[in-house]
PDB file of all heavy atoms in Angstrom:
ATOM      1  N   GLY A   1       0.804  -1.213   0.000  1.00  0.00           N
ATOM      2  CA  GLY A   1       0.000   0.000   0.000  1.00  0.00           C
ATOM      3  C   GLY A   1       0.837   1.262   0.000  1.00  0.00           C
ATOM      4  O   GLY A   1       0.425   2.297  -0.550  1.00  0.00           O
ATOM      5  N   PHE A   2       2.018   1.210   0.595  1.00  0.00           N
ATOM      6  CA  PHE A   2       2.900   2.383   0.636  1.00  0.00           C
ATOM      7  C   PHE A   2       3.369   2.742  -0.774  1.00  0.00           C
ATOM      8  O   PHE A   2       3.367   3.922  -1.171  1.00  0.00           O
ATOM      9  CB  PHE A   2       4.096   2.100   1.538  1.00  0.00           C
ATOM     10  CG  PHE A   2       4.955   3.294   1.840  1.00  0.00           C
ATOM     11  CD1 PHE A   2       4.497   4.314   2.648  1.00  0.00           C
ATOM     12  CD2 PHE A   2       6.243   3.396   1.318  1.00  0.00           C
ATOM     13  CE1 PHE A   2       5.294   5.415   2.924  1.00  0.00           C
ATOM     14  CE2 PHE A   2       7.043   4.485   1.593  1.00  0.00           C
ATOM     15  CZ  PHE A   2       6.567   5.502   2.408  1.00  0.00           C
ATOM     16  N   VAL A   3       3.759   1.746  -1.552  1.00  0.00           N
ATOM     17  CA  VAL A   3       4.186   2.004  -2.937  1.00  0.00           C
ATOM     18  C   VAL A   3       2.977   2.401  -3.790  1.00  0.00           C
ATOM     19  O   VAL A   3       3.080   3.245  -4.692  1.00  0.00           O
ATOM     20  CB  VAL A   3       4.899   0.771  -3.523  1.00  0.00           C
ATOM     21  CG1 VAL A   3       5.343   1.024  -4.956  1.00  0.00           C
ATOM     22  CG2 VAL A   3       6.106   0.406  -2.663  1.00  0.00           C
ATOM     23  N   HIS A   4       1.829   1.802  -3.510  1.00  0.00           N
ATOM     24  CA  HIS A   4       0.572   2.215  -4.154  1.00  0.00           C
ATOM     25  C   HIS A   4       0.339   3.704  -3.923  1.00  0.00           C
ATOM     26  O   HIS A   4      -0.004   4.453  -4.851  1.00  0.00           O
ATOM     27  CB  HIS A   4      -0.573   1.379  -3.563  1.00  0.00           C
ATOM     28  CG  HIS A   4      -1.938   1.891  -3.860  1.00  0.00           C
ATOM     29  ND1 HIS A   4      -2.545   1.783  -5.097  1.00  0.00           N
ATOM     30  CD2 HIS A   4      -2.849   2.503  -3.052  1.00  0.00           C
ATOM     31  CE1 HIS A   4      -3.759   2.310  -5.048  1.00  0.00           C
ATOM     32  NE2 HIS A   4      -3.969   2.764  -3.812  1.00  0.00           N
ATOM     33  N   MET A   5       0.552   4.163  -2.696  1.00  0.00           N
ATOM     34  CA  MET A   5       0.376   5.577  -2.366  1.00  0.00           C
ATOM     35  C   MET A   5       1.390   6.451  -3.094  1.00  0.00           C
ATOM     36  O   MET A   5       1.036   7.490  -3.669  1.00  0.00           O
ATOM     37  CB  MET A   5       0.510   5.776  -0.856  1.00  0.00           C
ATOM     38  CG  MET A   5       0.421   7.225  -0.409  1.00  0.00           C
ATOM     39  SD  MET A   5       0.929   7.459   1.298  1.00  0.00           S
ATOM     40  CE  MET A   5       2.691   7.079   1.187  1.00  0.00           C
ATOM     41  N   LEU A   6       2.668   6.049  -3.101  1.00  0.00           N
ATOM     42  CA  LEU A   6       3.696   6.839  -3.770  1.00  0.00           C
ATOM     43  C   LEU A   6       3.411   6.960  -5.273  1.00  0.00           C
ATOM     44  O   LEU A   6       3.605   8.027  -5.869  1.00  0.00           O
ATOM     45  CB  LEU A   6       5.068   6.198  -3.549  1.00  0.00           C
ATOM     46  CG  LEU A   6       5.605   6.208  -2.112  1.00  0.00           C
ATOM     47  CD1 LEU A   6       6.962   5.503  -2.055  1.00  0.00           C
ATOM     48  CD2 LEU A   6       5.720   7.626  -1.576  1.00  0.00           C
ATOM     49  N   SER A   7       2.942   5.872  -5.873  1.00  0.00           N
ATOM     50  CA  SER A   7       2.601   5.910  -7.293  1.00  0.00           C
ATOM     51  C   SER A   7       1.470   6.898  -7.549  1.00  0.00           C
ATOM     52  O   SER A   7       1.508   7.689  -8.504  1.00  0.00           O
ATOM     53  CB  SER A   7       2.189   4.510  -7.771  1.00  0.00           C
ATOM     54  OG  SER A   7       3.231   3.578  -7.589  1.00  0.00           O
ATOM     55  N   ASN A   8       0.466   6.873  -6.683  1.00  0.00           N
ATOM     56  CA  ASN A   8      -0.681   7.757  -6.885  1.00  0.00           C
ATOM     57  C   ASN A   8      -0.322   9.219  -6.634  1.00  0.00           C
ATOM     58  O   ASN A   8      -0.846  10.117  -7.311  1.00  0.00           O
ATOM     59  CB  ASN A   8      -1.829   7.328  -5.963  1.00  0.00           C
ATOM     60  CG  ASN A   8      -2.458   6.025  -6.418  1.00  0.00           C
ATOM     61  OD1 ASN A   8      -2.365   5.657  -7.587  1.00  0.00           O
ATOM     62  ND2 ASN A   8      -3.088   5.315  -5.503  1.00  0.00           N
ATOM     63  N   VAL A   9       0.562   9.462  -5.663  1.00  0.00           N
ATOM     64  CA  VAL A   9       1.010  10.842  -5.426  1.00  0.00           C
ATOM     65  C   VAL A   9       1.769  11.358  -6.641  1.00  0.00           C
ATOM     66  O   VAL A   9       1.591  12.515  -7.068  1.00  0.00           O
ATOM     67  CB  VAL A   9       1.885  10.913  -4.153  1.00  0.00           C
ATOM     68  CG1 VAL A   9       2.582  12.265  -4.054  1.00  0.00           C
ATOM     69  CG2 VAL A   9       1.026  10.678  -2.912  1.00  0.00           C
ATOM     70  N   THR A  10       2.622  10.515  -7.225  1.00  0.00           N
ATOM     71  CA  THR A  10       3.349  10.913  -8.431  1.00  0.00           C
ATOM     72  C   THR A  10       2.389  11.184  -9.582  1.00  0.00           C
ATOM     73  O   THR A  10       2.526  12.184 -10.310  1.00  0.00           O
ATOM     74  CB  THR A  10       4.348   9.814  -8.831  1.00  0.00           C
ATOM     75  OG1 THR A  10       5.233   9.541  -7.733  1.00  0.00           O
ATOM     76  CG2 THR A  10       5.159  10.230 -10.045  1.00  0.00           C
ATOM     77  N   ALA A  11       1.402  10.284  -9.748  1.00  0.00           N
ATOM     78  CA  ALA A  11       0.408  10.490 -10.808  1.00  0.00           C
ATOM     79  C   ALA A  11      -0.365  11.782 -10.580  1.00  0.00           C
ATOM     80  O   ALA A  11      -0.649  12.530 -11.526  1.00  0.00           O
ATOM     81  CB  ALA A  11      -0.547   9.296 -10.847  1.00  0.00           C
ATOM     82  N   LEU A  12      -0.687  12.076  -9.338  1.00  0.00           N
ATOM     83  CA  LEU A  12      -1.407  13.303  -9.007  1.00  0.00           C
ATOM     84  C   LEU A  12      -0.587  14.536  -9.395  1.00  0.00           C
ATOM     85  O   LEU A  12      -1.133  15.540  -9.874  1.00  0.00           O
ATOM     86  CB  LEU A  12      -1.727  13.322  -7.515  1.00  0.00           C
ATOM     87  CG  LEU A  12      -2.688  14.409  -7.025  1.00  0.00           C
ATOM     88  CD1 LEU A  12      -4.060  14.219  -7.669  1.00  0.00           C
ATOM     89  CD2 LEU A  12      -2.807  14.362  -5.510  1.00  0.00           C
ATOM     90  N   GLY A  13       0.728  14.443  -9.206  1.00  0.00           N
ATOM     91  CA  GLY A  13       1.595  15.542  -9.624  1.00  0.00           C
ATOM     92  C   GLY A  13       1.544  15.762 -11.126  1.00  0.00           C
ATOM     93  O   GLY A  13       1.486  16.910 -11.595  1.00  0.00           O
ATOM     94  N   PHE A  14       1.548  14.674 -11.900  1.00  0.00           N
ATOM     95  CA  PHE A  14       1.458  14.795 -13.362  1.00  0.00           C
ATOM     96  C   PHE A  14       0.124  15.408 -13.780  1.00  0.00           C
ATOM     97  O   PHE A  14       0.070  16.272 -14.658  1.00  0.00           O
ATOM     98  CB  PHE A  14       1.632  13.423 -14.017  1.00  0.00           C
ATOM     99  CG  PHE A  14       3.060  12.972 -14.131  1.00  0.00           C
ATOM    100  CD1 PHE A  14       3.477  11.769 -13.561  1.00  0.00           C
ATOM    101  CD2 PHE A  14       3.992  13.734 -14.820  1.00  0.00           C
ATOM    102  CE1 PHE A  14       4.799  11.347 -13.665  1.00  0.00           C
ATOM    103  CE2 PHE A  14       5.319  13.317 -14.935  1.00  0.00           C
ATOM    104  CZ  PHE A  14       5.721  12.130 -14.340  1.00  0.00           C
ATOM    105  N   PHE A  15      -0.977  14.946 -13.151  1.00  0.00           N
ATOM    106  CA  PHE A  15      -2.286  15.476 -13.525  1.00  0.00           C
ATOM    107  C   PHE A  15      -2.417  16.958 -13.152  1.00  0.00           C
ATOM    108  O   PHE A  15      -3.021  17.737 -13.887  1.00  0.00           O
ATOM    109  CB  PHE A  15      -3.398  14.665 -12.852  1.00  0.00           C
ATOM    110  CG  PHE A  15      -3.520  13.256 -13.369  1.00  0.00           C
ATOM    111  CD1 PHE A  15      -3.528  12.179 -12.501  1.00  0.00           C
ATOM    112  CD2 PHE A  15      -3.634  13.018 -14.731  1.00  0.00           C
ATOM    113  CE1 PHE A  15      -3.648  10.883 -12.970  1.00  0.00           C
ATOM    114  CE2 PHE A  15      -3.742  11.726 -15.216  1.00  0.00           C
ATOM    115  CZ  PHE A  15      -3.752  10.654 -14.336  1.00  0.00           C
ATOM    116  N   SER A  16      -1.852  17.342 -12.011  1.00  0.00           N
ATOM    117  CA  SER A  16      -1.880  18.754 -11.609  1.00  0.00           C
ATOM    118  C   SER A  16      -1.090  19.597 -12.607  1.00  0.00           C
ATOM    119  O   SER A  16      -1.530  20.690 -13.012  1.00  0.00           O
ATOM    120  CB  SER A  16      -1.295  18.915 -10.204  1.00  0.00           C
ATOM    121  OG  SER A  16      -2.044  18.189  -9.249  1.00  0.00           O
ATOM    122  N   ALA A  17       0.084  19.102 -12.991  1.00  0.00           N
ATOM    123  CA  ALA A  17       0.895  19.819 -13.975  1.00  0.00           C
ATOM    124  C   ALA A  17       0.180  19.887 -15.325  1.00  0.00           C
ATOM    125  O   ALA A  17       0.290  20.892 -16.047  1.00  0.00           O
ATOM    126  CB  ALA A  17       2.251  19.126 -14.129  1.00  0.00           C
ATOM    127  N   SER A  18      -0.550  18.826 -15.665  1.00  0.00           N
ATOM    128  CA  SER A  18      -1.299  18.821 -16.924  1.00  0.00           C
ATOM    129  C   SER A  18      -2.368  19.905 -16.927  1.00  0.00           C
ATOM    130  O   SER A  18      -2.524  20.640 -17.919  1.00  0.00           O
ATOM    131  CB  SER A  18      -1.952  17.454 -17.127  1.00  0.00           C
ATOM    132  OG  SER A  18      -2.813  17.455 -18.249  1.00  0.00           O
ATOM    133  N   LEU A  19      -3.103  20.023 -15.823  1.00  0.00           N
ATOM    134  CA  LEU A  19      -4.135  21.056 -15.750  1.00  0.00           C
ATOM    135  C   LEU A  19      -3.518  22.450 -15.833  1.00  0.00           C
ATOM    136  O   LEU A  19      -4.038  23.342 -16.530  1.00  0.00           O
ATOM    137  CB  LEU A  19      -4.934  20.904 -14.458  1.00  0.00           C
ATOM    138  CG  LEU A  19      -6.062  21.915 -14.248  1.00  0.00           C
ATOM    139  CD1 LEU A  19      -7.092  21.808 -15.380  1.00  0.00           C
ATOM    140  CD2 LEU A  19      -6.730  21.709 -12.891  1.00  0.00           C
ATOM    141  N   LEU A  20      -2.411  22.634 -15.146  1.00  0.00           N
ATOM    142  CA  LEU A  20      -1.740  23.936 -15.165  1.00  0.00           C
ATOM    143  C   LEU A  20      -1.273  24.281 -16.575  1.00  0.00           C
ATOM    144  O   LEU A  20      -1.431  25.435 -17.042  1.00  0.00           O
ATOM    145  CB  LEU A  20      -0.564  23.917 -14.198  1.00  0.00           C
ATOM    146  CG  LEU A  20       0.201  25.238 -14.027  1.00  0.00           C
ATOM    147  CD1 LEU A  20      -0.726  26.325 -13.481  1.00  0.00           C
ATOM    148  CD2 LEU A  20       1.389  25.042 -13.082  1.00  0.00           C
ATOM    149  N   ALA A  21      -0.703  23.297 -17.278  1.00  0.00           N
ATOM    150  CA  ALA A  21      -0.245  23.541 -18.645  1.00  0.00           C
ATOM    151  C   ALA A  21      -1.416  23.903 -19.557  1.00  0.00           C
ATOM    152  O   ALA A  21      -1.310  24.805 -20.407  1.00  0.00           O
ATOM    153  CB  ALA A  21       0.482  22.309 -19.178  1.00  0.00           C
ATOM    154  N   ARG A  22      -2.537  23.231 -19.401  1.00  0.00           N
ATOM    155  CA  ARG A  22      -3.716  23.507 -20.229  1.00  0.00           C
ATOM    156  C   ARG A  22      -4.251  24.915 -19.956  1.00  0.00           C
ATOM    157  O   ARG A  22      -4.655  25.628 -20.884  1.00  0.00           O
ATOM    158  CB  ARG A  22      -4.797  22.466 -19.958  1.00  0.00           C
ATOM    159  CG  ARG A  22      -4.453  21.055 -20.428  1.00  0.00           C
ATOM    160  CD  ARG A  22      -5.406  20.038 -19.808  1.00  0.00           C
ATOM    161  NE  ARG A  22      -4.954  18.669 -19.980  1.00  0.00           N
ATOM    162  CZ  ARG A  22      -5.389  17.832 -20.923  1.00  0.00           C
ATOM    163  NH1 ARG A  22      -6.292  18.241 -21.794  1.00  0.00           N
ATOM    164  NH2 ARG A  22      -4.928  16.603 -20.999  1.00  0.00           N
ATOM    165  N   LEU A  23      -4.269  25.306 -18.685  1.00  0.00           N
ATOM    166  CA  LEU A  23      -4.763  26.637 -18.333  1.00  0.00           C
ATOM    167  C   LEU A  23      -3.864  27.732 -18.897  1.00  0.00           C
ATOM    168  O   LEU A  23      -4.319  28.853 -19.139  1.00  0.00           O
ATOM    169  CB  LEU A  23      -4.876  26.772 -16.813  1.00  0.00           C
ATOM    170  CG  LEU A  23      -5.958  25.913 -16.147  1.00  0.00           C
ATOM    171  CD1 LEU A  23      -5.897  26.042 -14.632  1.00  0.00           C
ATOM    172  CD2 LEU A  23      -7.349  26.293 -16.664  1.00  0.00           C
ATOM    173  N   ARG A  24      -2.599  27.404 -19.112  1.00  0.00           N
ATOM    174  CA  ARG A  24      -1.655  28.360 -19.693  1.00  0.00           C
ATOM    175  C   ARG A  24      -1.661  28.321 -21.218  1.00  0.00           C
ATOM    176  O   ARG A  24      -0.880  29.010 -21.862  1.00  0.00           O
ATOM    177  CB  ARG A  24      -0.247  28.079 -19.175  1.00  0.00           C
ATOM    178  CG  ARG A  24      -0.071  28.429 -17.691  1.00  0.00           C
ATOM    179  CD  ARG A  24       1.310  28.052 -17.211  1.00  0.00           C
ATOM    180  NE  ARG A  24       1.537  28.526 -15.838  1.00  0.00           N
ATOM    181  CZ  ARG A  24       2.625  28.245 -15.124  1.00  0.00           C
ATOM    182  NH1 ARG A  24       3.598  27.500 -15.658  1.00  0.00           N
ATOM    183  NH2 ARG A  24       2.757  28.715 -13.900  1.00  0.00           N
ATOM    184  N   GLY A  25      -2.530  27.477 -21.777  1.00  0.00           N
ATOM    185  CA  GLY A  25      -2.661  27.411 -23.221  1.00  0.00           C
ATOM    186  C   GLY A  25      -1.781  26.400 -23.904  1.00  0.00           C
ATOM    187  O   GLY A  25      -1.790  26.302 -25.136  1.00  0.00           O
ATOM    188  N   ASN A  26      -1.025  25.601 -23.151  1.00  0.00           N
ATOM    189  CA  ASN A  26      -0.141  24.603 -23.749  1.00  0.00           C
ATOM    190  C   ASN A  26      -0.840  23.246 -23.734  1.00  0.00           C
ATOM    191  O   ASN A  26      -0.604  22.397 -22.870  1.00  0.00           O
ATOM    192  CB  ASN A  26       1.176  24.542 -22.969  1.00  0.00           C
ATOM    193  CG  ASN A  26       2.257  23.799 -23.736  1.00  0.00           C
ATOM    194  OD1 ASN A  26       1.965  23.032 -24.666  1.00  0.00           O
ATOM    195  ND2 ASN A  26       3.502  24.026 -23.361  1.00  0.00           N
ATOM    196  N   GLU A  27      -1.751  23.057 -24.700  1.00  0.00           N
ATOM    197  CA  GLU A  27      -2.562  21.836 -24.735  1.00  0.00           C
ATOM    198  C   GLU A  27      -1.719  20.595 -25.005  1.00  0.00           C
ATOM    199  O   GLU A  27      -1.971  19.528 -24.436  1.00  0.00           O
ATOM    200  CB  GLU A  27      -3.651  21.961 -25.804  1.00  0.00           C
ATOM    201  CG  GLU A  27      -4.730  22.977 -25.493  1.00  0.00           C
ATOM    202  CD  GLU A  27      -5.614  22.529 -24.327  1.00  0.00           C
ATOM    203  OE1 GLU A  27      -5.750  21.319 -24.122  1.00  0.00           O
ATOM    204  OE2 GLU A  27      -6.168  23.399 -23.629  1.00  0.00           O
ATOM    205  N   ARG A  28      -0.725  20.725 -25.855  1.00  0.00           N
ATOM    206  CA  ARG A  28       0.090  19.547 -26.198  1.00  0.00           C
ATOM    207  C   ARG A  28       0.825  19.018 -24.969  1.00  0.00           C
ATOM    208  O   ARG A  28       0.822  17.818 -24.704  1.00  0.00           O
ATOM    209  CB  ARG A  28       1.088  19.898 -27.301  1.00  0.00           C
ATOM    210  CG  ARG A  28       1.881  18.706 -27.804  1.00  0.00           C
ATOM    211  CD  ARG A  28       2.737  19.090 -29.010  1.00  0.00           C
ATOM    212  NE  ARG A  28       3.424  17.923 -29.537  1.00  0.00           N
ATOM    213  CZ  ARG A  28       4.575  17.443 -29.055  1.00  0.00           C
ATOM    214  NH1 ARG A  28       5.166  18.065 -28.020  1.00  0.00           N
ATOM    215  NH2 ARG A  28       5.135  16.369 -29.588  1.00  0.00           N
ATOM    216  N   ALA A  29       1.449  19.914 -24.201  1.00  0.00           N
ATOM    217  CA  ALA A  29       2.131  19.477 -22.975  1.00  0.00           C
ATOM    218  C   ALA A  29       1.139  18.895 -21.977  1.00  0.00           C
ATOM    219  O   ALA A  29       1.436  17.911 -21.293  1.00  0.00           O
ATOM    220  CB  ALA A  29       2.888  20.654 -22.350  1.00  0.00           C
ATOM    221  N   GLY A  30      -0.053  19.502 -21.911  1.00  0.00           N
ATOM    222  CA  GLY A  30      -1.070  18.991 -20.995  1.00  0.00           C
ATOM    223  C   GLY A  30      -1.478  17.569 -21.326  1.00  0.00           C
ATOM    224  O   GLY A  30      -1.646  16.732 -20.438  1.00  0.00           O
ATOM    225  N   LYS A  31      -1.627  17.292 -22.626  1.00  0.00           N
ATOM    226  CA  LYS A  31      -1.997  15.938 -23.040  1.00  0.00           C
ATOM    227  C   LYS A  31      -0.895  14.933 -22.710  1.00  0.00           C
ATOM    228  O   LYS A  31      -1.169  13.819 -22.243  1.00  0.00           O
ATOM    229  CB  LYS A  31      -2.289  15.928 -24.535  1.00  0.00           C
ATOM    230  CG  LYS A  31      -3.543  16.701 -24.917  1.00  0.00           C
ATOM    231  CD  LYS A  31      -3.749  16.698 -26.429  1.00  0.00           C
ATOM    232  CE  LYS A  31      -5.005  17.482 -26.816  1.00  0.00           C
ATOM    233  NZ  LYS A  31      -5.231  17.488 -28.286  1.00  0.00           N
ATOM    234  N   MET A  32       0.362  15.313 -22.939  1.00  0.00           N
ATOM    235  CA  MET A  32       1.470  14.412 -22.649  1.00  0.00           C
ATOM    236  C   MET A  32       1.574  14.137 -21.143  1.00  0.00           C
ATOM    237  O   MET A  32       1.850  13.016 -20.722  1.00  0.00           O
ATOM    238  CB  MET A  32       2.782  15.013 -23.163  1.00  0.00           C
ATOM    239  CG  MET A  32       2.828  15.193 -24.677  1.00  0.00           C
ATOM    240  SD  MET A  32       2.591  13.624 -25.575  1.00  0.00           S
ATOM    241  CE  MET A  32       4.079  12.739 -25.077  1.00  0.00           C
ATOM    242  N   LEU A  33       1.353  15.154 -20.335  1.00  0.00           N
ATOM    243  CA  LEU A  33       1.405  14.973 -18.885  1.00  0.00           C
ATOM    244  C   LEU A  33       0.265  14.090 -18.396  1.00  0.00           C
ATOM    245  O   LEU A  33       0.423  13.333 -17.436  1.00  0.00           O
ATOM    246  CB  LEU A  33       1.369  16.336 -18.189  1.00  0.00           C
ATOM    247  CG  LEU A  33       2.651  17.161 -18.286  1.00  0.00           C
ATOM    248  CD1 LEU A  33       2.397  18.613 -17.884  1.00  0.00           C
ATOM    249  CD2 LEU A  33       3.739  16.536 -17.399  1.00  0.00           C
ATOM    250  N   THR A  34      -0.887  14.159 -19.035  1.00  0.00           N
ATOM    251  CA  THR A  34      -1.998  13.269 -18.674  1.00  0.00           C
ATOM    252  C   THR A  34      -1.645  11.822 -18.966  1.00  0.00           C
ATOM    253  O   THR A  34      -1.925  10.920 -18.164  1.00  0.00           O
ATOM    254  CB  THR A  34      -3.268  13.666 -19.447  1.00  0.00           C
ATOM    255  OG1 THR A  34      -3.697  14.959 -19.009  1.00  0.00           O
ATOM    256  CG2 THR A  34      -4.388  12.669 -19.196  1.00  0.00           C
ATOM    257  N   ILE A  35      -1.010  11.583 -20.112  1.00  0.00           N
ATOM    258  CA  ILE A  35      -0.586  10.214 -20.441  1.00  0.00           C
ATOM    259  C   ILE A  35       0.429   9.716 -19.415  1.00  0.00           C
ATOM    260  O   ILE A  35       0.372   8.558 -18.966  1.00  0.00           O
ATOM    261  CB  ILE A  35       0.003  10.174 -21.869  1.00  0.00           C
ATOM    262  CG1 ILE A  35      -1.094  10.467 -22.889  1.00  0.00           C
ATOM    263  CG2 ILE A  35       0.644   8.815 -22.141  1.00  0.00           C
ATOM    264  CD1 ILE A  35      -0.584  10.600 -24.307  1.00  0.00           C
ATOM    265  N   ALA A  36       1.364  10.591 -19.018  1.00  0.00           N
ATOM    266  CA  ALA A  36       2.348  10.197 -18.001  1.00  0.00           C
ATOM    267  C   ALA A  36       1.651   9.872 -16.678  1.00  0.00           C
ATOM    268  O   ALA A  36       1.999   8.897 -15.995  1.00  0.00           O
ATOM    269  CB  ALA A  36       3.364  11.322 -17.803  1.00  0.00           C
ATOM    270  N   GLY A  37       0.671  10.687 -16.314  1.00  0.00           N
ATOM    271  CA  GLY A  37      -0.058  10.431 -15.081  1.00  0.00           C
ATOM    272  C   GLY A  37      -0.799   9.108 -15.110  1.00  0.00           C
ATOM    273  O   GLY A  37      -0.804   8.357 -14.129  1.00  0.00           O
ATOM    274  N   LEU A  38      -1.422   8.787 -16.243  1.00  0.00           N
ATOM    275  CA  LEU A  38      -2.132   7.512 -16.357  1.00  0.00           C
ATOM    276  C   LEU A  38      -1.168   6.334 -16.326  1.00  0.00           C
ATOM    277  O   LEU A  38      -1.493   5.264 -15.797  1.00  0.00           O
ATOM    278  CB  LEU A  38      -2.955   7.485 -17.639  1.00  0.00           C
ATOM    279  CG  LEU A  38      -4.247   8.306 -17.632  1.00  0.00           C
ATOM    280  CD1 LEU A  38      -4.885   8.307 -19.011  1.00  0.00           C
ATOM    281  CD2 LEU A  38      -5.223   7.762 -16.588  1.00  0.00           C
ATOM    282  N   SER A  39       0.020   6.509 -16.890  1.00  0.00           N
ATOM    283  CA  SER A  39       1.011   5.427 -16.883  1.00  0.00           C
ATOM    284  C   SER A  39       1.441   5.101 -15.459  1.00  0.00           C
ATOM    285  O   SER A  39       1.468   3.927 -15.051  1.00  0.00           O
ATOM    286  CB  SER A  39       2.220   5.829 -17.728  1.00  0.00           C
ATOM    287  OG  SER A  39       1.852   6.071 -19.061  1.00  0.00           O
ATOM    288  N   VAL A  40       1.766   6.127 -14.682  1.00  0.00           N
ATOM    289  CA  VAL A  40       2.163   5.898 -13.293  1.00  0.00           C
ATOM    290  C   VAL A  40       0.960   5.468 -12.461  1.00  0.00           C
ATOM    291  O   VAL A  40       1.060   4.584 -11.607  1.00  0.00           O
ATOM    292  CB  VAL A  40       2.795   7.178 -12.704  1.00  0.00           C
ATOM    293  CG1 VAL A  40       3.189   6.953 -11.249  1.00  0.00           C
ATOM    294  CG2 VAL A  40       4.005   7.596 -13.515  1.00  0.00           C
ATOM    295  N   GLY A  41      -0.199   6.089 -12.731  1.00  0.00           N
ATOM    296  CA  GLY A  41      -1.405   5.700 -12.006  1.00  0.00           C
ATOM    297  C   GLY A  41      -1.814   4.266 -12.272  1.00  0.00           C
ATOM    298  O   GLY A  41      -2.440   3.628 -11.424  1.00  0.00           O
ATOM    299  N   GLY A  42      -1.461   3.752 -13.459  1.00  0.00           N
ATOM    300  CA  GLY A  42      -1.761   2.360 -13.765  1.00  0.00           C
ATOM    301  C   GLY A  42      -1.044   1.411 -12.821  1.00  0.00           C
ATOM    302  O   GLY A  42      -1.602   0.389 -12.401  1.00  0.00           O
ATOM    303  N   LEU A  43       0.220   1.745 -12.488  1.00  0.00           N
ATOM    304  CA  LEU A  43       0.956   0.938 -11.515  1.00  0.00           C
ATOM    305  C   LEU A  43       0.267   1.000 -10.156  1.00  0.00           C
ATOM    306  O   LEU A  43       0.085  -0.019  -9.493  1.00  0.00           O
ATOM    307  CB  LEU A  43       2.392   1.440 -11.391  1.00  0.00           C
ATOM    308  CG  LEU A  43       3.227   0.816 -10.261  1.00  0.00           C
ATOM    309  CD1 LEU A  43       3.377  -0.682 -10.462  1.00  0.00           C
ATOM    310  CD2 LEU A  43       4.593   1.497 -10.159  1.00  0.00           C
ATOM    311  N   GLY A  44      -0.136   2.214  -9.753  1.00  0.00           N
ATOM    312  CA  GLY A  44      -0.839   2.345  -8.482  1.00  0.00           C
ATOM    313  C   GLY A  44      -2.130   1.567  -8.474  1.00  0.00           C
ATOM    314  O   GLY A  44      -2.479   0.929  -7.467  1.00  0.00           O
ATOM    315  N   ALA A  45      -2.866   1.599  -9.597  1.00  0.00           N
ATOM    316  CA  ALA A  45      -4.124   0.857  -9.678  1.00  0.00           C
ATOM    317  C   ALA A  45      -3.884  -0.651  -9.585  1.00  0.00           C
ATOM    318  O   ALA A  45      -4.649  -1.381  -8.939  1.00  0.00           O
ATOM    319  CB  ALA A  45      -4.846   1.199 -10.975  1.00  0.00           C
TER     320      ALA A  45
END
């Protein structure tokens, strides 16, 4: 569960960065960060 938590915290960081990038108008970076978040979140899941 500890590694599950660390994976999800990392994924949360990617998703937060993705939202921030999108709000700044950088849609391409936002999409890539979402994919990174799902990849790490997949391990947590």
